PDB file of N, CA and C in Angstrom:
ATOM      1  N   MET A   1      77.647 112.788  78.234  1.00  0.00           N
ATOM      2  CA  MET A   1      78.996 112.414  78.480  1.00  0.00           C
ATOM      3  C   MET A   1      79.114 111.449  79.816  1.00  0.00           C
ATOM      4  N   ARG A   2      79.726 110.281  79.698  1.00  0.00           N
ATOM      5  CA  ARG A   2      79.865 109.601  80.962  1.00  0.00           C
ATOM      6  C   ARG A   2      80.828 110.058  81.950  1.00  0.00           C
ATOM      7  N   ILE A   3      80.833 109.598  83.241  1.00  0.00           N
ATOM      8  CA  ILE A   3      81.727 109.987  83.945  1.00  0.00           C
ATOM      9  C   ILE A   3      83.283 109.411  83.802  1.00  0.00           C
ATOM     10  N   THR A   4      83.242 108.260  83.176  1.00  0.00           N
ATOM     11  CA  THR A   4      84.475 107.658  83.204  1.00  0.00           C
ATOM     12  C   THR A   4      85.239 108.038  81.898  1.00  0.00           C
ATOM     13  N   ASP A   5      84.541 108.962  81.114  1.00  0.00           N
ATOM     14  CA  ASP A   5      85.056 109.918  80.127  1.00  0.00           C
ATOM     15  C   ASP A   5      85.884 110.891  80.719  1.00  0.00           C
ATOM     16  N   GLN A   6      85.495 111.347  81.915  1.00  0.00           N
ATOM     17  CA  GLN A   6      86.120 112.580  82.421  1.00  0.00           C
ATOM     18  C   GLN A   6      87.489 112.025  83.314  1.00  0.00           C
ATOM     19  N   LEU A   7      87.569 110.741  83.580  1.00  0.00           N
ATOM     20  CA  LEU A   7      88.591 110.485  84.533  1.00  0.00           C
ATOM     21  C   LEU A   7      89.844 109.879  83.611  1.00  0.00           C
ATOM     22  N   SER A   8      91.055 110.276  84.309  1.00  0.00           N
ATOM     23  CA  SER A   8      92.028 109.462  83.809  1.00  0.00           C
ATOM     24  C   SER A   8      92.243 108.307  84.018  1.00  0.00           C
ATOM     25  N   PRO A   9      93.195 107.511  83.288  1.00  0.00           N
ATOM     26  CA  PRO A   9      93.617 106.308  83.300  1.00  0.00           C
ATOM     27  C   PRO A   9      93.780 105.808  84.713  1.00  0.00           C
ATOM     28  N   VAL A  10      94.669 106.568  85.456  1.00  0.00           N
ATOM     29  CA  VAL A  10      95.239 106.419  86.982  1.00  0.00           C
ATOM     30  C   VAL A  10      93.921 106.292  87.623  1.00  0.00           C
ATOM     31  N   ALA A  11      92.922 107.447  87.304  1.00  0.00           N
ATOM     32  CA  ALA A  11      91.822 107.310  87.997  1.00  0.00           C
ATOM     33  C   ALA A  11      90.806 106.198  87.924  1.00  0.00           C
ATOM     34  N   LEU A  12      90.827 105.573  86.886  1.00  0.00           N
ATOM     35  CA  LEU A  12      89.811 104.375  86.405  1.00  0.00           C
ATOM     36  C   LEU A  12      90.667 103.233  87.020  1.00  0.00           C
ATOM     37  N   GLN A  13      91.817 103.099  87.088  1.00  0.00           N
ATOM     38  CA  GLN A  13      92.780 101.967  87.415  1.00  0.00           C
ATOM     39  C   GLN A  13      92.587 101.739  89.126  1.00  0.00           C
ATOM     40  N   THR A  14      92.563 103.055  89.587  1.00  0.00           N
ATOM     41  CA  THR A  14      92.069 103.132  91.130  1.00  0.00           C
ATOM     42  C   THR A  14      90.649 102.932  91.577  1.00  0.00           C
ATOM     43  N   ALA A  15      89.890 103.083  90.643  1.00  0.00           N
ATOM     44  CA  ALA A  15      88.321 102.831  90.797  1.00  0.00           C
ATOM     45  C   ALA A  15      88.345 101.457  90.725  1.00  0.00           C
ATOM     46  N   SER A  16      89.140 100.706  89.661  1.00  0.00           N
ATOM     47  CA  SER A  16      88.809  99.454  89.694  1.00  0.00           C
ATOM     48  C   SER A  16      89.609  98.682  90.745  1.00  0.00           C
ATOM     49  N   SER A  17      90.615  99.067  91.216  1.00  0.00           N
ATOM     50  CA  SER A  17      91.309  98.542  92.487  1.00  0.00           C
ATOM     51  C   SER A  17      90.248  98.472  93.759  1.00  0.00           C
ATOM     52  N   ALA A  18      89.626  99.820  93.694  1.00  0.00           N
ATOM     53  CA  ALA A  18      88.644  99.832  94.959  1.00  0.00           C
ATOM     54  C   ALA A  18      87.489  98.788  94.752  1.00  0.00           C
ATOM     55  N   SER A  19      87.167  98.554  93.530  1.00  0.00           N
ATOM     56  CA  SER A  19      85.823  97.534  93.580  1.00  0.00           C
ATOM     57  C   SER A  19      86.153  96.044  93.994  1.00  0.00           C
ATOM     58  N   LYS A  20      87.635  95.991  93.606  1.00  0.00           N
ATOM     59  CA  LYS A  20      88.101  94.526  93.839  1.00  0.00           C
ATOM     60  C   LYS A  20      88.165  94.436  95.138  1.00  0.00           C
ATOM     61  N   ARG A  21      88.834  95.459  95.939  1.00  0.00           N
ATOM     62  CA  ARG A  21      88.903  95.383  97.247  1.00  0.00           C
ATOM     63  C   ARG A  21      87.574  95.459  98.008  1.00  0.00           C
ATOM     64  N   ALA A  22      86.784  95.938  97.607  1.00  0.00           N
ATOM     65  CA  ALA A  22      85.395  95.884  98.088  1.00  0.00           C
ATOM     66  C   ALA A  22      84.719  94.554  98.063  1.00  0.00           C
ATOM     67  N   MET A  23      85.030  93.657  97.305  1.00  0.00           N
ATOM     68  CA  MET A  23      84.868  92.102  97.192  1.00  0.00           C
ATOM     69  C   MET A  23      85.496  91.434  98.333  1.00  0.00           C
ATOM     70  N   MET A  24      86.526  91.934  98.860  1.00  0.00           N
ATOM     71  CA  MET A  24      87.437  91.160 100.085  1.00  0.00           C
ATOM     72  C   MET A  24      86.706  91.274 101.393  1.00  0.00           C
ATOM     73  N   PRO A  25      86.853  89.970 102.026  1.00  0.00           N
ATOM     74  CA  PRO A  25      86.154  90.211 103.330  1.00  0.00           C
ATOM     75  C   PRO A  25      86.742  90.975 104.322  1.00  0.00           C
ATOM     76  N   THR A  26      86.006  91.870 105.233  1.00  0.00           N
ATOM     77  CA  THR A  26      86.563  92.938 105.929  1.00  0.00           C
ATOM     78  C   THR A  26      86.350  92.242 107.367  1.00  0.00           C
ATOM     79  N   VAL A  27      87.687  92.759 108.052  1.00  0.00           N
ATOM     80  CA  VAL A  27      87.932  91.881 109.517  1.00  0.00           C
ATOM     81  C   VAL A  27      87.942  93.069 110.328  1.00  0.00           C
ATOM     82  N   SER A  28      86.845  93.373 111.314  1.00  0.00           N
ATOM     83  CA  SER A  28      87.372  94.318 112.391  1.00  0.00           C
ATOM     84  C   SER A  28      88.059  94.121 113.525  1.00  0.00           C
ATOM     85  N   SER A  29      88.964  94.855 114.130  1.00  0.00           N
ATOM     86  CA  SER A  29      89.735  94.256 115.293  1.00  0.00           C
ATOM     87  C   SER A  29      89.077  95.205 116.394  1.00  0.00           C
ATOM     88  N   THR A  30      89.511  95.241 117.572  1.00  0.00           N
ATOM     89  CA  THR A  30      88.931  95.652 118.625  1.00  0.00           C
ATOM     90  C   THR A  30      89.196  97.127 119.044  1.00  0.00           C
ATOM     91  N   ASP A  31      89.828  97.814 118.070  1.00  0.00           N
ATOM     92  CA  ASP A  31      89.767  99.239 118.143  1.00  0.00           C
ATOM     93  C   ASP A  31      89.232  99.950 116.983  1.00  0.00           C
ATOM     94  N   ASP A  32      88.269  99.266 116.298  1.00  0.00           N
ATOM     95  CA  ASP A  32      87.498  99.514 115.254  1.00  0.00           C
ATOM     96  C   ASP A  32      88.050  99.930 113.983  1.00  0.00           C
ATOM     97  N   THR A  33      89.161  99.423 114.009  1.00  0.00           N
ATOM     98  CA  THR A  33      90.201  99.524 112.529  1.00  0.00           C
ATOM     99  C   THR A  33      89.774  98.404 111.710  1.00  0.00           C
ATOM    100  N   LYS A  34      89.321  98.685 110.466  1.00  0.00           N
ATOM    101  CA  LYS A  34      88.989  97.533 109.599  1.00  0.00           C
ATOM    102  C   LYS A  34      89.795  97.388 108.803  1.00  0.00           C
ATOM    103  N   VAL A  35      90.141  96.129 108.303  1.00  0.00           N
ATOM    104  CA  VAL A  35      91.322  95.606 107.406  1.00  0.00           C
ATOM    105  C   VAL A  35      90.609  94.637 106.359  1.00  0.00           C
ATOM    106  N   ARG A  36      90.781  94.792 105.310  1.00  0.00           N
ATOM    107  CA  ARG A  36      90.495  93.730 104.225  1.00  0.00           C
ATOM    108  C   ARG A  36      91.541  92.968 103.869  1.00  0.00           C
ATOM    109  N   VAL A  37      91.117  91.586 103.910  1.00  0.00           N
ATOM    110  CA  VAL A  37      91.724  90.283 103.990  1.00  0.00           C
ATOM    111  C   VAL A  37      91.419  89.580 102.615  1.00  0.00           C
ATOM    112  N   SER A  38      92.570  89.551 101.649  1.00  0.00           N
ATOM    113  CA  SER A  38      92.608  88.502 100.461  1.00  0.00           C
ATOM    114  C   SER A  38      92.237  87.344 100.562  1.00  0.00           C
ATOM    115  N   GLN A  39      91.803  86.617  99.625  1.00  0.00           N
ATOM    116  CA  GLN A  39      91.427  85.403  99.841  1.00  0.00           C
ATOM    117  C   GLN A  39      92.565  84.544 100.078  1.00  0.00           C
ATOM    118  N   ALA A  40      93.795  84.906  99.289  1.00  0.00           N
ATOM    119  CA  ALA A  40      95.168  84.237  99.519  1.00  0.00           C
ATOM    120  C   ALA A  40      95.460  84.188 100.901  1.00  0.00           C
ATOM    121  N   ALA A  41      95.362  85.302 101.724  1.00  0.00           N
ATOM    122  CA  ALA A  41      95.640  85.499 103.216  1.00  0.00           C
ATOM    123  C   ALA A  41      94.857  84.585 103.972  1.00  0.00           C
ATOM    124  N   ILE A  42      93.546  84.394 103.422  1.00  0.00           N
ATOM    125  CA  ILE A  42      92.451  83.620 104.491  1.00  0.00           C
ATOM    126  C   ILE A  42      92.986  82.129 104.045  1.00  0.00           C
ATOM    127  N   LYS A  43      93.239  81.757 102.701  1.00  0.00           N
ATOM    128  CA  LYS A  43      93.816  80.450 102.733  1.00  0.00           C
ATOM    129  C   LYS A  43      95.127  79.944 103.450  1.00  0.00           C
ATOM    130  N   LEU A  44      96.000  81.061 103.449  1.00  0.00           N
ATOM    131  CA  LEU A  44      97.194  80.673 104.073  1.00  0.00           C
ATOM    132  C   LEU A  44      97.078  80.696 105.420  1.00  0.00           C
ATOM    133  N   ALA A  45      96.163  81.542 106.074  1.00  0.00           N
ATOM    134  CA  ALA A  45      95.948  81.558 107.456  1.00  0.00           C
ATOM    135  C   ALA A  45      95.225  80.162 107.977  1.00  0.00           C
ATOM    136  N   ALA A  46      94.523  79.690 107.257  1.00  0.00           N
ATOM    137  CA  ALA A  46      93.824  78.452 107.219  1.00  0.00           C
ATOM    138  C   ALA A  46      94.661  77.011 107.256  1.00  0.00           C
ATOM    139  N   SER A  47      95.625  77.437 106.722  1.00  0.00           N
ATOM    140  CA  SER A  47      96.747  76.289 106.427  1.00  0.00           C
ATOM    141  C   SER A  47      97.885  76.089 107.247  1.00  0.00           C
ATOM    142  N   VAL A  48      98.227  77.387 107.779  1.00  0.00           N
ATOM    143  CA  VAL A  48      99.201  77.416 108.694  1.00  0.00           C
ATOM    144  C   VAL A  48      98.829  76.615 110.156  1.00  0.00           C
ATOM    145  N   SER A  49      99.812  75.810 110.812  1.00  0.00           N
ATOM    146  CA  SER A  49      99.831  75.146 111.796  1.00  0.00           C
ATOM    147  C   SER A  49     100.887  75.421 112.526  1.00  0.00           C
ATOM    148  N   PHE A  50     100.996  75.087 113.861  1.00  0.00           N
ATOM    149  CA  PHE A  50     102.228  75.128 114.660  1.00  0.00           C
ATOM    150  C   PHE A  50     102.135  74.035 115.889  1.00  0.00           C
ATOM    151  N   ASP A  51     103.196  73.560 116.360  1.00  0.00           N
ATOM    152  CA  ASP A  51     103.209  72.385 117.254  1.00  0.00           C
ATOM    153  C   ASP A  51     103.436  73.527 118.637  1.00  0.00           C
ATOM    154  N   PRO A  52     102.370  73.516 119.437  1.00  0.00           N
ATOM    155  CA  PRO A  52     102.779  74.349 120.830  1.00  0.00           C
ATOM    156  C   PRO A  52     103.613  73.705 121.620  1.00  0.00           C
ATOM    157  N   VAL A  53     104.061  72.536 121.465  1.00  0.00           N
ATOM    158  CA  VAL A  53     105.050  71.921 122.369  1.00  0.00           C
ATOM    159  C   VAL A  53     106.272  72.021 122.025  1.00  0.00           C
ATOM    160  N   LYS A  54     106.673  72.127 120.581  1.00  0.00           N
ATOM    161  CA  LYS A  54     107.603  72.492 119.864  1.00  0.00           C
ATOM    162  C   LYS A  54     108.083  73.942 120.299  1.00  0.00           C
ATOM    163  N   VAL A  55     107.191  74.798 119.812  1.00  0.00           N
ATOM    164  CA  VAL A  55     107.441  76.266 120.430  1.00  0.00           C
ATOM    165  C   VAL A  55     107.953  76.383 121.708  1.00  0.00           C
ATOM    166  N   ALA A  56     107.023  75.841 122.834  1.00  0.00           N
ATOM    167  CA  ALA A  56     107.721  75.912 124.055  1.00  0.00           C
ATOM    168  C   ALA A  56     109.065  75.369 124.367  1.00  0.00           C
ATOM    169  N   SER A  57     109.462  74.399 123.482  1.00  0.00           N
ATOM    170  CA  SER A  57     110.743  73.794 123.857  1.00  0.00           C
ATOM    171  C   SER A  57     111.787  74.685 123.415  1.00  0.00           C
ATOM    172  N   LEU A  58     111.585  75.317 122.267  1.00  0.00           N
ATOM    173  CA  LEU A  58     112.294  76.300 121.159  1.00  0.00           C
ATOM    174  C   LEU A  58     112.360  77.315 122.149  1.00  0.00           C
ATOM    175  N   LYS A  59     111.504  78.071 122.798  1.00  0.00           N
ATOM    176  CA  LYS A  59     111.344  79.096 123.826  1.00  0.00           C
ATOM    177  C   LYS A  59     112.351  79.037 125.140  1.00  0.00           C
ATOM    178  N   GLY A  60     112.153  77.720 125.618  1.00  0.00           N
ATOM    179  CA  GLY A  60     113.038  77.402 126.447  1.00  0.00           C
ATOM    180  C   GLY A  60     114.243  77.356 126.389  1.00  0.00           C
ATOM    181  N   ALA A  61     114.597  76.717 125.314  1.00  0.00           N
ATOM    182  CA  ALA A  61     116.163  76.828 124.697  1.00  0.00           C
ATOM    183  C   ALA A  61     116.685  78.007 124.437  1.00  0.00           C
ATOM    184  N   VAL A  62     115.972  78.923 123.868  1.00  0.00           N
ATOM    185  CA  VAL A  62     116.589  80.518 123.659  1.00  0.00           C
ATOM    186  C   VAL A  62     116.763  81.087 125.070  1.00  0.00           C
ATOM    187  N   GLN A  63     115.823  81.000 125.968  1.00  0.00           N
ATOM    188  CA  GLN A  63     115.786  81.423 127.240  1.00  0.00           C
ATOM    189  C   GLN A  63     117.037  81.092 128.075  1.00  0.00           C
ATOM    190  N   ASN A  64     117.468  79.669 128.013  1.00  0.00           N
ATOM    191  CA  ASN A  64     118.267  79.065 129.026  1.00  0.00           C
ATOM    192  C   ASN A  64     119.596  79.310 128.216  1.00  0.00           C
ATOM    193  N   GLY A  65     119.769  79.846 126.901  1.00  0.00           N
ATOM    194  CA  GLY A  65     121.065  79.784 126.188  1.00  0.00           C
ATOM    195  C   GLY A  65     121.396  78.529 125.483  1.00  0.00           C
ATOM    196  N   SER A  66     120.540  77.691 125.503  1.00  0.00           N
ATOM    197  CA  SER A  66     121.006  76.281 124.897  1.00  0.00           C
ATOM    198  C   SER A  66     120.682  76.096 123.207  1.00  0.00           C
ATOM    199  N   PHE A  67     119.910  77.010 122.895  1.00  0.00           N
ATOM    200  CA  PHE A  67     119.436  77.183 121.450  1.00  0.00           C
ATOM    201  C   PHE A  67     120.808  77.515 120.713  1.00  0.00           C
ATOM    202  N   THR A  68     121.023  76.858 119.483  1.00  0.00           N
ATOM    203  CA  THR A  68     122.316  77.348 118.841  1.00  0.00           C
ATOM    204  C   THR A  68     121.897  77.200 117.286  1.00  0.00           C
ATOM    205  N   ILE A  69     122.465  78.102 116.593  1.00  0.00           N
ATOM    206  CA  ILE A  69     122.260  78.270 115.322  1.00  0.00           C
ATOM    207  C   ILE A  69     123.097  77.568 114.344  1.00  0.00           C
ATOM    208  N   ASP A  70     122.963  76.994 113.347  1.00  0.00           N
ATOM    209  CA  ASP A  70     123.927  76.239 112.610  1.00  0.00           C
ATOM    210  C   ASP A  70     123.844  77.373 111.253  1.00  0.00           C
ATOM    211  N   PRO A  71     124.470  78.295 110.934  1.00  0.00           N
ATOM    212  CA  PRO A  71     124.638  79.012 109.652  1.00  0.00           C
ATOM    213  C   PRO A  71     124.651  78.456 108.580  1.00  0.00           C
ATOM    214  N   SER A  72     125.167  77.286 108.141  1.00  0.00           N
ATOM    215  CA  SER A  72     125.339  76.860 107.039  1.00  0.00           C
ATOM    216  C   SER A  72     123.949  76.365 106.912  1.00  0.00           C
ATOM    217  N   ARG A  73     123.300  75.539 107.690  1.00  0.00           N
ATOM    218  CA  ARG A  73     121.865  74.965 107.383  1.00  0.00           C
ATOM    219  C   ARG A  73     120.821  76.131 107.198  1.00  0.00           C
ATOM    220  N   VAL A  74     120.963  77.237 107.821  1.00  0.00           N
ATOM    221  CA  VAL A  74     119.972  78.436 107.600  1.00  0.00           C
ATOM    222  C   VAL A  74     120.324  78.780 106.054  1.00  0.00           C
ATOM    223  N   ALA A  75     121.624  79.052 105.886  1.00  0.00           N
ATOM    224  CA  ALA A  75     121.917  79.616 104.279  1.00  0.00           C
ATOM    225  C   ALA A  75     121.513  78.430 103.462  1.00  0.00           C
ATOM    226  N   SER A  76     121.507  77.022 103.571  1.00  0.00           N
ATOM    227  CA  SER A  76     120.936  76.214 102.571  1.00  0.00           C
ATOM    228  C   SER A  76     119.383  76.276 102.391  1.00  0.00           C
ATOM    229  N   ALA A  77     118.840  76.410 103.703  1.00  0.00           N
ATOM    230  CA  ALA A  77     117.400  76.413 103.707  1.00  0.00           C
ATOM    231  C   ALA A  77     116.960  77.686 102.873  1.00  0.00           C
ATOM    232  N   MET A  78     117.472  78.906 103.187  1.00  0.00           N
ATOM    233  CA  MET A  78     117.217  80.193 102.252  1.00  0.00           C
ATOM    234  C   MET A  78     117.240  79.954 100.905  1.00  0.00           C
ATOM    235  N   LEU A  79     118.575  79.269 100.492  1.00  0.00           N
ATOM    236  CA  LEU A  79     118.785  79.053  99.148  1.00  0.00           C
ATOM    237  C   LEU A  79     117.644  78.042  98.436  1.00  0.00           C
ATOM    238  N   ASN A  80     117.438  77.141  99.178  1.00  0.00           N
ATOM    239  CA  ASN A  80     116.376  75.989  98.960  1.00  0.00           C
ATOM    240  C   ASN A  80     115.203  76.699  98.463  1.00  0.00           C
ATOM    241  N   ALA A  81     114.906  77.590  99.287  1.00  0.00           N
ATOM    242  CA  ALA A  81     113.426  78.102  99.713  1.00  0.00           C
ATOM    243  C   ALA A  81     113.279  79.236  98.369  1.00  0.00           C
ATOM    244  N   ALA A  82     114.172  79.825  97.913  1.00  0.00           N
ATOM    245  CA  ALA A  82     114.204  80.681  96.879  1.00  0.00           C
ATOM    246  C   ALA A  82     113.687  80.430  95.637  1.00  0.00           C
TER     247      ALA A  82
END
């Protein structure tokens, strides 16, 4: 008798998921915690960029109280992103 004959469908699915996770790259952090990173996350991280000048400008506007939020613009952006 094979070992898989003794496992429930849930156990088999868990084993399959574990083998898929084993194929994902592992990233170690400074506190020895290991995290598996999916290929989709790797692609997303590689494609994300930001403008440090714009970030600094927005940070200053928030700190000095001049940053304003246009609720209708936020709502439109949320609806268009869905």
